[in-house]
Amino acid sequence: MKTFHLTIASLDKNVFDGFVTRVTAPGSEGEMTVLADHVPLISRLASGTITCADEAGIHTFEVAHGVLEVTKNGTTILL
């Protein structure tokens, strides 16, 4: 499966930085899943769980709010 770069960061630390096959996040309008080659978008995040998958397995992160941006170079989530 194709991978893409994902960065999850808060003001004081880098929470996750690596290549993943998918990321699922609680968007303000509902849950969304991003795969490689996703169309560019920006979305506010609601409280919930971010889940991403890489070669090491599944990673989960609890969030209260944030912003998700998908570009041609990867996906960034700011908490």
PDB file of N, CA and C in Angstrom:
ATOM      1  N   MET A   1       0.847  -1.183   0.000  1.00  0.00           N
ATOM      2  CA  MET A   1       0.000   0.000   0.000  1.00  0.00           C
ATOM      3  C   MET A   1       0.891   1.245   0.000  1.00  0.00           C
ATOM      4  N   LYS A   2       0.462   2.265  -0.696  1.00  0.00           N
ATOM      5  CA  LYS A   2       1.215   3.501  -0.838  1.00  0.00           C
ATOM      6  C   LYS A   2       1.246   4.282   0.482  1.00  0.00           C
ATOM      7  N   THR A   3       2.372   4.962   0.764  1.00  0.00           N
ATOM      8  CA  THR A   3       2.499   5.732   1.999  1.00  0.00           C
ATOM      9  C   THR A   3       2.598   7.230   1.696  1.00  0.00           C
ATOM     10  N   PHE A   4       2.398   8.024   2.741  1.00  0.00           N
ATOM     11  CA  PHE A   4       2.568   9.477   2.650  1.00  0.00           C
ATOM     12  C   PHE A   4       3.095   9.981   3.985  1.00  0.00           C
ATOM     13  N   HIS A   5       3.676  11.176   3.989  1.00  0.00           N
ATOM     14  CA  HIS A   5       4.269  11.741   5.197  1.00  0.00           C
ATOM     15  C   HIS A   5       3.198  12.374   6.076  1.00  0.00           C
ATOM     16  N   LEU A   6       3.243  12.051   7.373  1.00  0.00           N
ATOM     17  CA  LEU A   6       2.308  12.607   8.356  1.00  0.00           C
ATOM     18  C   LEU A   6       3.097  13.233   9.487  1.00  0.00           C
ATOM     19  N   THR A   7       2.747  14.465   9.818  1.00  0.00           N
ATOM     20  CA  THR A   7       3.297  15.139  10.987  1.00  0.00           C
ATOM     21  C   THR A   7       2.135  15.533  11.891  1.00  0.00           C
ATOM     22  N   ILE A   8       2.239  15.161  13.158  1.00  0.00           N
ATOM     23  CA  ILE A   8       1.281  15.603  14.171  1.00  0.00           C
ATOM     24  C   ILE A   8       2.093  16.376  15.197  1.00  0.00           C
ATOM     25  N   ALA A   9       1.755  17.659  15.402  1.00  0.00           N
ATOM     26  CA  ALA A   9       2.551  18.506  16.286  1.00  0.00           C
ATOM     27  C   ALA A   9       1.665  19.397  17.142  1.00  0.00           C
ATOM     28  N   SER A  10       2.159  19.688  18.341  1.00  0.00           N
ATOM     29  CA  SER A  10       1.536  20.685  19.198  1.00  0.00           C
ATOM     30  C   SER A  10       2.528  21.835  19.348  1.00  0.00           C
ATOM     31  N   LEU A  11       2.165  22.846  20.108  1.00  0.00           N
ATOM     32  CA  LEU A  11       3.043  23.999  20.257  1.00  0.00           C
ATOM     33  C   LEU A  11       4.391  23.634  20.873  1.00  0.00           C
ATOM     34  N   ASP A  12       4.407  22.669  21.766  1.00  0.00           N
ATOM     35  CA  ASP A  12       5.631  22.377  22.499  1.00  0.00           C
ATOM     36  C   ASP A  12       6.360  21.100  22.087  1.00  0.00           C
ATOM     37  N   LYS A  13       5.748  20.275  21.215  1.00  0.00           N
ATOM     38  CA  LYS A  13       6.450  19.047  20.830  1.00  0.00           C
ATOM     39  C   LYS A  13       5.911  18.474  19.527  1.00  0.00           C
ATOM     40  N   ASN A  14       6.726  17.622  18.935  1.00  0.00           N
ATOM     41  CA  ASN A  14       6.343  16.866  17.754  1.00  0.00           C
ATOM     42  C   ASN A  14       5.777  15.538  18.254  1.00  0.00           C
ATOM     43  N   VAL A  15       4.502  15.288  18.049  1.00  0.00           N
ATOM     44  CA  VAL A  15       3.833  14.100  18.568  1.00  0.00           C
ATOM     45  C   VAL A  15       4.110  12.873  17.695  1.00  0.00           C
ATOM     46  N   PHE A  16       4.088  13.050  16.374  1.00  0.00           N
ATOM     47  CA  PHE A  16       4.341  11.952  15.437  1.00  0.00           C
ATOM     48  C   PHE A  16       4.923  12.543  14.162  1.00  0.00           C
ATOM     49  N   ASP A  17       5.907  11.856  13.589  1.00  0.00           N
ATOM     50  CA  ASP A  17       6.491  12.284  12.326  1.00  0.00           C
ATOM     51  C   ASP A  17       6.982  11.039  11.598  1.00  0.00           C
ATOM     52  N   GLY A  18       6.293  10.664  10.529  1.00  0.00           N
ATOM     53  CA  GLY A  18       6.689   9.472   9.799  1.00  0.00           C
ATOM     54  C   GLY A  18       5.807   9.235   8.590  1.00  0.00           C
ATOM     55  N   PHE A  19       6.042   8.095   7.945  1.00  0.00           N
ATOM     56  CA  PHE A  19       5.273   7.725   6.763  1.00  0.00           C
ATOM     57  C   PHE A  19       4.202   6.719   7.149  1.00  0.00           C
ATOM     58  N   VAL A  20       2.970   6.974   6.717  1.00  0.00           N
ATOM     59  CA  VAL A  20       1.825   6.146   7.082  1.00  0.00           C
ATOM     60  C   VAL A  20       1.052   5.737   5.829  1.00  0.00           C
ATOM     61  N   THR A  21       0.218   4.710   5.979  1.00  0.00           N
ATOM     62  CA  THR A  21      -0.642   4.289   4.871  1.00  0.00           C
ATOM     63  C   THR A  21      -2.012   4.953   4.947  1.00  0.00           C
ATOM     64  N   ARG A  22      -2.396   5.370   6.163  1.00  0.00           N
ATOM     65  CA  ARG A  22      -3.681   6.064   6.333  1.00  0.00           C
ATOM     66  C   ARG A  22      -3.689   6.797   7.651  1.00  0.00           C
ATOM     67  N   VAL A  23      -4.535   7.825   7.747  1.00  0.00           N
ATOM     68  CA  VAL A  23      -4.802   8.512   9.007  1.00  0.00           C
ATOM     69  C   VAL A  23      -6.289   8.825   9.050  1.00  0.00           C
ATOM     70  N   THR A  24      -6.897   8.546  10.195  1.00  0.00           N
ATOM     71  CA  THR A  24      -8.311   8.845  10.414  1.00  0.00           C
ATOM     72  C   THR A  24      -8.400   9.858  11.546  1.00  0.00           C
ATOM     73  N   ALA A  25      -9.180  10.922  11.329  1.00  0.00           N
ATOM     74  CA  ALA A  25      -9.262  12.006  12.302  1.00  0.00           C
ATOM     75  C   ALA A  25     -10.705  12.457  12.471  1.00  0.00           C
ATOM     76  N   PRO A  26     -11.023  13.007  13.663  1.00  0.00           N
ATOM     77  CA  PRO A  26     -12.377  13.508  13.918  1.00  0.00           C
ATOM     78  C   PRO A  26     -12.564  14.914  13.362  1.00  0.00           C
ATOM     79  N   GLY A  27     -12.966  15.018  12.122  1.00  0.00           N
ATOM     80  CA  GLY A  27     -13.205  16.322  11.505  1.00  0.00           C
ATOM     81  C   GLY A  27     -14.390  17.029  12.130  1.00  0.00           C
ATOM     82  N   SER A  28     -14.463  18.335  11.958  1.00  0.00           N
ATOM     83  CA  SER A  28     -15.568  19.101  12.538  1.00  0.00           C
ATOM     84  C   SER A  28     -16.916  18.701  11.946  1.00  0.00           C
ATOM     85  N   GLU A  29     -16.919  18.136  10.743  1.00  0.00           N
ATOM     86  CA  GLU A  29     -18.156  17.687  10.104  1.00  0.00           C
ATOM     87  C   GLU A  29     -18.316  16.168  10.145  1.00  0.00           C
ATOM     88  N   GLY A  30     -17.417  15.482  10.856  1.00  0.00           N
ATOM     89  CA  GLY A  30     -17.483  14.029  10.955  1.00  0.00           C
ATOM     90  C   GLY A  30     -16.112  13.410  10.736  1.00  0.00           C
ATOM     91  N   GLU A  31     -16.018  12.123  11.011  1.00  0.00           N
ATOM     92  CA  GLU A  31     -14.752  11.413  10.877  1.00  0.00           C
ATOM     93  C   GLU A  31     -14.302  11.359   9.419  1.00  0.00           C
ATOM     94  N   MET A  32     -12.993  11.525   9.194  1.00  0.00           N
ATOM     95  CA  MET A  32     -12.458  11.470   7.837  1.00  0.00           C
ATOM     96  C   MET A  32     -11.196  10.614   7.820  1.00  0.00           C
ATOM     97  N   THR A  33     -10.981   9.938   6.701  1.00  0.00           N
ATOM     98  CA  THR A  33      -9.782   9.137   6.506  1.00  0.00           C
ATOM     99  C   THR A  33      -9.024   9.680   5.311  1.00  0.00           C
ATOM    100  N   VAL A  34      -7.717   9.860   5.505  1.00  0.00           N
ATOM    101  CA  VAL A  34      -6.837  10.350   4.443  1.00  0.00           C
ATOM    102  C   VAL A  34      -5.931   9.200   4.015  1.00  0.00           C
ATOM    103  N   LEU A  35      -5.850   8.989   2.705  1.00  0.00           N
ATOM    104  CA  LEU A  35      -4.943   8.002   2.103  1.00  0.00           C
ATOM    105  C   LEU A  35      -3.961   8.743   1.212  1.00  0.00           C
ATOM    106  N   ALA A  36      -2.948   8.049   0.728  1.00  0.00           N
ATOM    107  CA  ALA A  36      -1.983   8.656  -0.197  1.00  0.00           C
ATOM    108  C   ALA A  36      -2.709   9.234  -1.410  1.00  0.00           C
ATOM    109  N   ASP A  37      -2.217  10.333  -1.914  1.00  0.00           N
ATOM    110  CA  ASP A  37      -2.771  11.029  -3.087  1.00  0.00           C
ATOM    111  C   ASP A  37      -4.162  11.620  -2.852  1.00  0.00           C
ATOM    112  N   HIS A  38      -4.507  11.892  -1.592  1.00  0.00           N
ATOM    113  CA  HIS A  38      -5.772  12.530  -1.267  1.00  0.00           C
ATOM    114  C   HIS A  38      -5.787  13.943  -1.843  1.00  0.00           C
ATOM    115  N   VAL A  39      -6.953  14.447  -2.187  1.00  0.00           N
ATOM    116  CA  VAL A  39      -7.058  15.823  -2.675  1.00  0.00           C
ATOM    117  C   VAL A  39      -6.686  16.783  -1.549  1.00  0.00           C
ATOM    118  N   PRO A  40      -6.099  17.936  -1.872  1.00  0.00           N
ATOM    119  CA  PRO A  40      -5.750  18.917  -0.842  1.00  0.00           C
ATOM    120  C   PRO A  40      -6.991  19.400  -0.098  1.00  0.00           C
ATOM    121  N   LEU A  41      -6.842  19.578   1.218  1.00  0.00           N
ATOM    122  CA  LEU A  41      -7.942  20.111   2.026  1.00  0.00           C
ATOM    123  C   LEU A  41      -7.410  20.629   3.340  1.00  0.00           C
ATOM    124  N   ILE A  42      -8.213  21.461   3.977  1.00  0.00           N
ATOM    125  CA  ILE A  42      -7.959  21.942   5.335  1.00  0.00           C
ATOM    126  C   ILE A  42      -9.253  21.756   6.102  1.00  0.00           C
ATOM    127  N   SER A  43      -9.152  21.214   7.329  1.00  0.00           N
ATOM    128  CA  SER A  43     -10.340  20.982   8.140  1.00  0.00           C
ATOM    129  C   SER A  43     -10.027  21.211   9.609  1.00  0.00           C
ATOM    130  N   ARG A  44     -10.993  21.779  10.315  1.00  0.00           N
ATOM    131  CA  ARG A  44     -10.894  21.850  11.770  1.00  0.00           C
ATOM    132  C   ARG A  44     -11.153  20.455  12.323  1.00  0.00           C
ATOM    133  N   LEU A  45     -10.553  20.159  13.475  1.00  0.00           N
ATOM    134  CA  LEU A  45     -10.783  18.878  14.133  1.00  0.00           C
ATOM    135  C   LEU A  45     -11.626  19.077  15.376  1.00  0.00           C
ATOM    136  N   ALA A  46     -12.473  18.106  15.643  1.00  0.00           N
ATOM    137  CA  ALA A  46     -13.265  18.065  16.861  1.00  0.00           C
ATOM    138  C   ALA A  46     -12.533  17.175  17.864  1.00  0.00           C
ATOM    139  N   SER A  47     -13.034  17.100  19.075  1.00  0.00           N
ATOM    140  CA  SER A  47     -12.411  16.208  20.053  1.00  0.00           C
ATOM    141  C   SER A  47     -12.675  14.759  19.646  1.00  0.00           C
ATOM    142  N   GLY A  48     -11.694  13.916  19.907  1.00  0.00           N
ATOM    143  CA  GLY A  48     -11.808  12.514  19.540  1.00  0.00           C
ATOM    144  C   GLY A  48     -10.454  11.859  19.432  1.00  0.00           C
ATOM    145  N   THR A  49     -10.356  10.858  18.579  1.00  0.00           N
ATOM    146  CA  THR A  49      -9.137  10.066  18.448  1.00  0.00           C
ATOM    147  C   THR A  49      -8.614  10.114  17.020  1.00  0.00           C
ATOM    148  N   ILE A  50      -7.324  10.392  16.886  1.00  0.00           N
ATOM    149  CA  ILE A  50      -6.630  10.277  15.608  1.00  0.00           C
ATOM    150  C   ILE A  50      -6.004   8.891  15.580  1.00  0.00           C
ATOM    151  N   THR A  51      -6.199   8.170  14.485  1.00  0.00           N
ATOM    152  CA  THR A  51      -5.617   6.841  14.310  1.00  0.00           C
ATOM    153  C   THR A  51      -4.816   6.838  13.020  1.00  0.00           C
ATOM    154  N   CYS A  52      -3.569   6.359  13.088  1.00  0.00           N
ATOM    155  CA  CYS A  52      -2.767   6.236  11.868  1.00  0.00           C
ATOM    156  C   CYS A  52      -2.097   4.867  11.849  1.00  0.00           C
ATOM    157  N   ALA A  53      -1.827   4.392  10.643  1.00  0.00           N
ATOM    158  CA  ALA A  53      -1.221   3.073  10.451  1.00  0.00           C
ATOM    159  C   ALA A  53       0.078   3.220   9.679  1.00  0.00           C
ATOM    160  N   ASP A  54       1.134   2.567  10.195  1.00  0.00           N
ATOM    161  CA  ASP A  54       2.408   2.504   9.482  1.00  0.00           C
ATOM    162  C   ASP A  54       2.930   1.079   9.567  1.00  0.00           C
ATOM    163  N   GLU A  55       4.162   0.855   9.137  1.00  0.00           N
ATOM    164  CA  GLU A  55       4.706  -0.506   9.122  1.00  0.00           C
ATOM    165  C   GLU A  55       4.875  -1.085  10.527  1.00  0.00           C
ATOM    166  N   ALA A  56       4.923  -0.232  11.553  1.00  0.00           N
ATOM    167  CA  ALA A  56       5.052  -0.699  12.932  1.00  0.00           C
ATOM    168  C   ALA A  56       3.710  -1.066  13.560  1.00  0.00           C
ATOM    169  N   GLY A  57       2.599  -0.638  12.954  1.00  0.00           N
ATOM    170  CA  GLY A  57       1.284  -0.945  13.494  1.00  0.00           C
ATOM    171  C   GLY A  57       0.364   0.260  13.505  1.00  0.00           C
ATOM    172  N   ILE A  58      -0.571   0.235  14.451  1.00  0.00           N
ATOM    173  CA  ILE A  58      -1.583   1.285  14.585  1.00  0.00           C
ATOM    174  C   ILE A  58      -1.194   2.192  15.757  1.00  0.00           C
ATOM    175  N   HIS A  59      -1.294   3.509  15.539  1.00  0.00           N
ATOM    176  CA  HIS A  59      -0.997   4.495  16.578  1.00  0.00           C
ATOM    177  C   HIS A  59      -2.262   5.317  16.818  1.00  0.00           C
ATOM    178  N   THR A  60      -2.557   5.634  18.072  1.00  0.00           N
ATOM    179  CA  THR A  60      -3.730   6.450  18.389  1.00  0.00           C
ATOM    180  C   THR A  60      -3.313   7.632  19.262  1.00  0.00           C
ATOM    181  N   PHE A  61      -3.993   8.754  19.053  1.00  0.00           N
ATOM    182  CA  PHE A  61      -3.717   9.978  19.779  1.00  0.00           C
ATOM    183  C   PHE A  61      -5.054  10.637  20.109  1.00  0.00           C
ATOM    184  N   GLU A  62      -5.264  10.979  21.368  1.00  0.00           N
ATOM    185  CA  GLU A  62      -6.479  11.690  21.772  1.00  0.00           C
ATOM    186  C   GLU A  62      -6.288  13.182  21.532  1.00  0.00           C
ATOM    187  N   VAL A  63      -7.314  13.828  20.972  1.00  0.00           N
ATOM    188  CA  VAL A  63      -7.232  15.261  20.690  1.00  0.00           C
ATOM    189  C   VAL A  63      -8.481  15.971  21.201  1.00  0.00           C
ATOM    190  N   ALA A  64      -8.306  17.230  21.586  1.00  0.00           N
ATOM    191  CA  ALA A  64      -9.439  18.049  22.000  1.00  0.00           C
ATOM    192  C   ALA A  64      -9.876  18.982  20.870  1.00  0.00           C
ATOM    193  N   HIS A  65      -8.919  19.365  20.032  1.00  0.00           N
ATOM    194  CA  HIS A  65      -9.179  20.257  18.901  1.00  0.00           C
ATOM    195  C   HIS A  65      -7.928  20.294  18.044  1.00  0.00           C
ATOM    196  N   GLY A  66      -8.013  20.938  16.895  1.00  0.00           N
ATOM    197  CA  GLY A  66      -6.845  21.062  16.030  1.00  0.00           C
ATOM    198  C   GLY A  66      -7.241  21.382  14.608  1.00  0.00           C
ATOM    199  N   VAL A  67      -6.234  21.330  13.735  1.00  0.00           N
ATOM    200  CA  VAL A  67      -6.420  21.601  12.317  1.00  0.00           C
ATOM    201  C   VAL A  67      -5.661  20.540  11.534  1.00  0.00           C
ATOM    202  N   LEU A  68      -6.286  20.018  10.488  1.00  0.00           N
ATOM    203  CA  LEU A  68      -5.667  19.037   9.606  1.00  0.00           C
ATOM    204  C   LEU A  68      -5.508  19.675   8.237  1.00  0.00           C
ATOM    205  N   GLU A  69      -4.315  19.550   7.647  1.00  0.00           N
ATOM    206  CA  GLU A  69      -4.076  20.054   6.291  1.00  0.00           C
ATOM    207  C   GLU A  69      -3.473  18.942   5.450  1.00  0.00           C
ATOM    208  N   VAL A  70      -4.063  18.703   4.297  1.00  0.00           N
ATOM    209  CA  VAL A  70      -3.543  17.731   3.325  1.00  0.00           C
ATOM    210  C   VAL A  70      -3.014  18.516   2.139  1.00  0.00           C
ATOM    211  N   THR A  71      -1.747  18.271   1.771  1.00  0.00           N
ATOM    212  CA  THR A  71      -1.139  18.886   0.585  1.00  0.00           C
ATOM    213  C   THR A  71      -0.549  17.771  -0.266  1.00  0.00           C
ATOM    214  N   LYS A  72      -0.001  18.128  -1.408  1.00  0.00           N
ATOM    215  CA  LYS A  72       0.635  17.125  -2.253  1.00  0.00           C
ATOM    216  C   LYS A  72       1.896  16.566  -1.604  1.00  0.00           C
ATOM    217  N   ASN A  73       2.445  17.272  -0.610  1.00  0.00           N
ATOM    218  CA  ASN A  73       3.663  16.819   0.060  1.00  0.00           C
ATOM    219  C   ASN A  73       3.400  16.004   1.326  1.00  0.00           C
ATOM    220  N   GLY A  74       2.149  15.871   1.741  1.00  0.00           N
ATOM    221  CA  GLY A  74       1.833  15.093   2.941  1.00  0.00           C
ATOM    222  C   GLY A  74       0.712  15.720   3.731  1.00  0.00           C
ATOM    223  N   THR A  75       0.560  15.235   4.949  1.00  0.00           N
ATOM    224  CA  THR A  75      -0.520  15.685   5.828  1.00  0.00           C
ATOM    225  C   THR A  75       0.074  16.200   7.134  1.00  0.00           C
ATOM    226  N   THR A  76      -0.435  17.339   7.600  1.00  0.00           N
ATOM    227  CA  THR A  76       0.004  17.931   8.859  1.00  0.00           C
ATOM    228  C   THR A  76      -1.214  18.135   9.748  1.00  0.00           C
ATOM    229  N   ILE A  77      -1.068  17.730  11.005  1.00  0.00           N
ATOM    230  CA  ILE A  77      -2.109  17.974  12.001  1.00  0.00           C
ATOM    231  C   ILE A  77      -1.493  18.818  13.106  1.00  0.00           C
ATOM    232  N   LEU A  78      -2.083  19.990  13.347  1.00  0.00           N
ATOM    233  CA  LEU A  78      -1.625  20.883  14.415  1.00  0.00           C
ATOM    234  C   LEU A  78      -2.638  20.812  15.539  1.00  0.00           C
ATOM    235  N   LEU A  79      -2.137  20.525  16.722  1.00  0.00           N
ATOM    236  CA  LEU A  79      -3.006  20.383  17.899  1.00  0.00           C
ATOM    237  C   LEU A  79      -2.926  21.617  18.775  1.00  0.00           C
TER     238      LEU A  79
END
